[in-house]
């Protein structure tokens, strides 16, 4: 957790981001369809690597932010339930 918005996002649905906070930037990337695509494929494609470079964060930071993010955990659970059905 890098700031109050990161802390809040770990505990409940929270859509605020603090400018300049690496945790917020990583959380923002983690909520993009590009992250879900590479997460599901298991391969970092060129467009996603460019996105990371533009955002100034690493894939590991994005993965950590996704793991800590309440919204991402809920989304992952819904995806697992759909695949199990």
Protein backbone atom coordinates (compact mmCIF):
# COMPACT_ATOMS: atom_id res chain seq x y z
CA UNK A 1 0.00 0.00 0.00
CA UNK A 2 1.47 3.29 -1.07
CA UNK A 3 -1.19 5.83 -0.09
CA UNK A 4 -4.67 6.16 1.44
CA UNK A 5 -6.27 5.36 -1.94
CA UNK A 6 -4.25 2.14 -2.24
CA UNK A 7 -5.25 1.17 1.29
CA UNK A 8 -8.92 1.87 0.61
CA UNK A 9 -8.81 -0.06 -2.69
CA UNK A 10 -7.50 -3.12 -0.86
CA UNK A 11 -10.45 -3.06 1.55
CA UNK A 12 -13.44 -2.21 -0.65
CA UNK A 13 -14.50 -1.00 -4.08
CA UNK A 14 -12.56 2.22 -4.50
CA UNK A 15 -12.02 4.15 -7.71
CA UNK A 16 -9.88 7.04 -6.55
CA UNK A 17 -6.21 7.29 -7.50
CA UNK A 18 -3.46 9.54 -6.13
CA UNK A 19 -1.39 11.26 -8.81
CA UNK A 20 2.24 10.21 -8.68
CA UNK A 21 1.65 7.18 -6.43
CA UNK A 22 3.32 4.11 -7.98
CA UNK A 23 0.78 1.86 -6.26
CA UNK A 24 -2.11 3.78 -7.80
CA UNK A 25 -0.48 3.74 -11.21
CA UNK A 26 0.10 -0.02 -10.97
CA UNK A 27 -3.48 -0.55 -9.76
CA UNK A 28 -4.75 1.47 -12.71
CA UNK A 29 -2.79 -0.71 -15.13
CA UNK A 30 -4.02 -3.84 -13.35
CA UNK A 31 -7.61 -2.79 -14.04
CA UNK A 32 -7.04 -2.45 -17.79
CA UNK A 33 -8.07 -5.12 -20.30
CA UNK A 34 -4.45 -5.31 -21.48
CA UNK A 35 -3.39 -6.68 -18.08
CA UNK A 36 -6.17 -9.27 -18.05
CA UNK A 37 -5.16 -10.35 -21.55
CA UNK A 38 -1.52 -10.98 -20.65
CA UNK A 39 -2.46 -12.50 -17.28
CA UNK A 40 -4.78 -14.99 -18.98
CA UNK A 41 -2.35 -15.71 -21.84
CA UNK A 42 0.70 -15.95 -19.60
CA UNK A 43 2.74 -13.92 -22.10
CA UNK A 44 3.68 -10.23 -22.01
CA UNK A 45 2.86 -8.91 -25.46
CA UNK A 46 4.46 -5.90 -27.10
CA UNK A 47 1.54 -3.54 -26.50
CA UNK A 48 1.47 -4.38 -22.79
CA UNK A 49 5.24 -3.89 -22.44
CA UNK A 50 4.84 -0.47 -24.08
CA UNK A 51 2.02 0.33 -21.65
CA UNK A 52 4.27 -0.58 -18.71
CA UNK A 53 7.02 1.64 -20.08
CA UNK A 54 4.64 4.57 -20.55
CA UNK A 55 3.18 4.11 -17.06
CA UNK A 56 6.62 3.78 -15.50
CA UNK A 57 5.82 0.61 -13.55
CA UNK A 58 6.93 -3.00 -13.78
CA UNK A 59 4.83 -6.08 -14.43
CA UNK A 60 5.68 -7.29 -10.91
CA UNK A 61 4.32 -4.04 -9.46
CA UNK A 62 1.13 -4.46 -11.47
CA UNK A 63 0.74 -8.07 -10.32
CA UNK A 64 1.22 -7.03 -6.68
CA UNK A 65 -1.29 -4.21 -7.10
CA UNK A 66 -3.80 -6.59 -8.68
CA UNK A 67 -3.37 -9.07 -5.82
CA UNK A 68 -4.00 -6.32 -3.26
CA UNK A 69 -6.90 -4.69 -5.13
CA UNK A 70 -10.39 -5.60 -3.89
CA UNK A 71 -11.86 -5.04 -7.38
CA UNK A 72 -9.32 -7.35 -9.03
CA UNK A 73 -9.86 -10.10 -6.45
CA UNK A 74 -13.62 -9.93 -6.97
CA UNK A 75 -13.19 -9.98 -10.75
CA UNK A 76 -10.84 -12.99 -10.56
CA UNK A 77 -13.33 -14.86 -8.39
CA UNK A 78 -16.12 -14.20 -10.90
CA UNK A 79 -13.90 -15.46 -13.70
CA UNK A 80 -13.08 -18.66 -11.82
CA UNK A 81 -16.75 -19.25 -11.12
CA UNK A 82 -17.60 -18.84 -14.83
CA UNK A 83 -14.84 -21.26 -15.86
CA UNK A 84 -15.97 -23.83 -13.28
CA UNK A 85 -19.57 -23.70 -14.52
